Amino acid sequence: MPRLRSTKPDSGCYEERQVPTGNLNISQLRHIILLHEGKADDHDGPMGAHQIAEKFQVDVVQIQRILQFLSEPLEDSSSKDKNKTLR
């Protein structure tokens, strides 16, 4: 079985590892999510994919894929209401 890896902020040396131009490391991925959600310390409010791509000097499509697959899904309040009426 593969070894379990920690995703905690203090997980080790892999987060800040240098990567080739056009690629992102774990720390940068975390920062991208925080920027998009508006929770980053270095920017007020949410940031769009185009602005993030410019900041990290990567393709916009790459940022859009990251945001699509790593962002938290929006809560669906309609399904909660349906559950309440079924009980």
Protein backbone atom coordinates (compact mmCIF):
# COMPACT_ATOMS: atom_id res chain seq x y z
CA MET A 1 0.00 0.00 0.00
CA PRO A 2 1.19 3.56 -0.61
CA ARG A 3 2.44 5.52 2.32
CA LEU A 4 -0.03 8.04 3.70
CA ARG A 5 1.03 11.63 3.25
CA SER A 6 0.17 14.51 5.51
CA THR A 7 -1.50 17.58 4.03
CA LYS A 8 -1.10 19.72 7.12
CA PRO A 9 0.70 23.08 6.74
CA ASP A 10 3.65 21.72 8.73
CA SER A 11 3.89 18.53 6.65
CA GLY A 12 7.45 19.02 5.55
CA CYS A 13 9.89 19.88 2.85
CA TYR A 14 7.74 19.09 -0.22
CA GLU A 15 5.52 22.14 0.03
CA GLU A 16 8.11 24.79 -0.76
CA ARG A 17 10.15 22.68 -3.20
CA GLN A 18 11.24 24.57 -6.32
CA VAL A 19 9.42 23.49 -9.47
CA PRO A 20 10.05 24.28 -13.14
CA THR A 21 8.54 27.43 -14.62
CA GLY A 22 4.87 26.96 -15.45
CA ASN A 23 4.33 24.42 -12.65
CA LEU A 24 3.09 24.93 -9.11
CA ASN A 25 4.08 23.44 -5.77
CA ILE A 26 1.73 22.51 -2.92
CA SER A 27 2.16 25.82 -1.13
CA GLN A 28 1.23 27.73 -4.28
CA LEU A 29 -1.87 25.54 -4.80
CA ARG A 30 -3.00 26.31 -1.27
CA HIS A 31 -2.42 30.03 -1.86
CA ILE A 32 -4.42 29.91 -5.12
CA ILE A 33 -7.43 28.43 -3.33
CA LEU A 34 -7.19 31.05 -0.58
CA LEU A 35 -6.94 33.87 -3.14
CA HIS A 36 -9.96 32.58 -5.04
CA GLU A 37 -12.02 32.26 -1.84
CA GLY A 38 -10.95 35.71 -0.65
CA LYS A 39 -9.25 34.33 2.46
CA ALA A 40 -5.61 35.11 1.61
CA ASP A 41 -3.67 37.46 3.89
CA ASP A 42 -2.02 39.33 1.01
CA HIS A 43 -5.20 40.22 -0.93
CA ASP A 44 -8.60 41.57 0.10
CA GLY A 45 -11.60 39.84 -1.42
CA PRO A 46 -11.84 37.03 -3.96
CA MET A 47 -9.51 37.01 -6.94
CA GLY A 48 -10.47 35.78 -10.43
CA ALA A 49 -8.70 33.06 -12.39
CA HIS A 50 -7.12 35.56 -14.82
CA GLN A 51 -5.60 37.62 -11.99
CA ILE A 52 -4.29 34.49 -10.26
CA ALA A 53 -2.75 33.22 -13.52
CA GLU A 54 -0.94 36.53 -13.98
CA LYS A 55 0.31 36.49 -10.40
CA PHE A 56 1.76 32.96 -10.67
CA GLN A 57 2.76 33.30 -14.36
CA VAL A 58 0.86 30.21 -15.50
CA ASP A 59 -1.83 29.55 -18.09
CA VAL A 60 -5.39 30.58 -17.16
CA VAL A 61 -6.68 27.12 -18.15
CA GLN A 62 -4.40 25.56 -15.53
CA ILE A 63 -5.83 27.85 -12.82
CA GLN A 64 -9.39 27.12 -13.93
CA ARG A 65 -8.76 23.37 -13.65
CA ILE A 66 -7.25 23.81 -10.20
CA LEU A 67 -10.23 25.83 -9.04
CA GLN A 68 -12.67 23.36 -10.58
CA PHE A 69 -11.19 20.29 -8.93
CA LEU A 70 -9.81 21.64 -5.64
CA SER A 71 -12.37 24.21 -4.51
CA GLU A 72 -15.04 23.28 -2.01
CA PRO A 73 -18.42 22.61 -3.61
CA LEU A 74 -21.16 25.13 -2.93
CA GLU A 75 -23.71 24.07 -0.36
CA ASP A 76 -27.03 23.11 -1.91
CA SER A 77 -29.71 24.54 0.35
CA SER A 78 -32.51 23.03 -1.75
CA SER A 79 -31.46 19.47 -0.82
CA LYS A 80 -31.52 20.38 2.87
CA ASP A 81 -35.06 21.72 2.49
CA LYS A 82 -36.16 18.50 0.75
CA ASN A 83 -34.73 16.41 3.60
CA LYS A 84 -36.69 18.44 6.14
CA THR A 85 -40.01 17.88 4.34
CA LEU A 86 -39.43 14.14 3.94
CA ARG A 87 -39.12 13.47 7.67
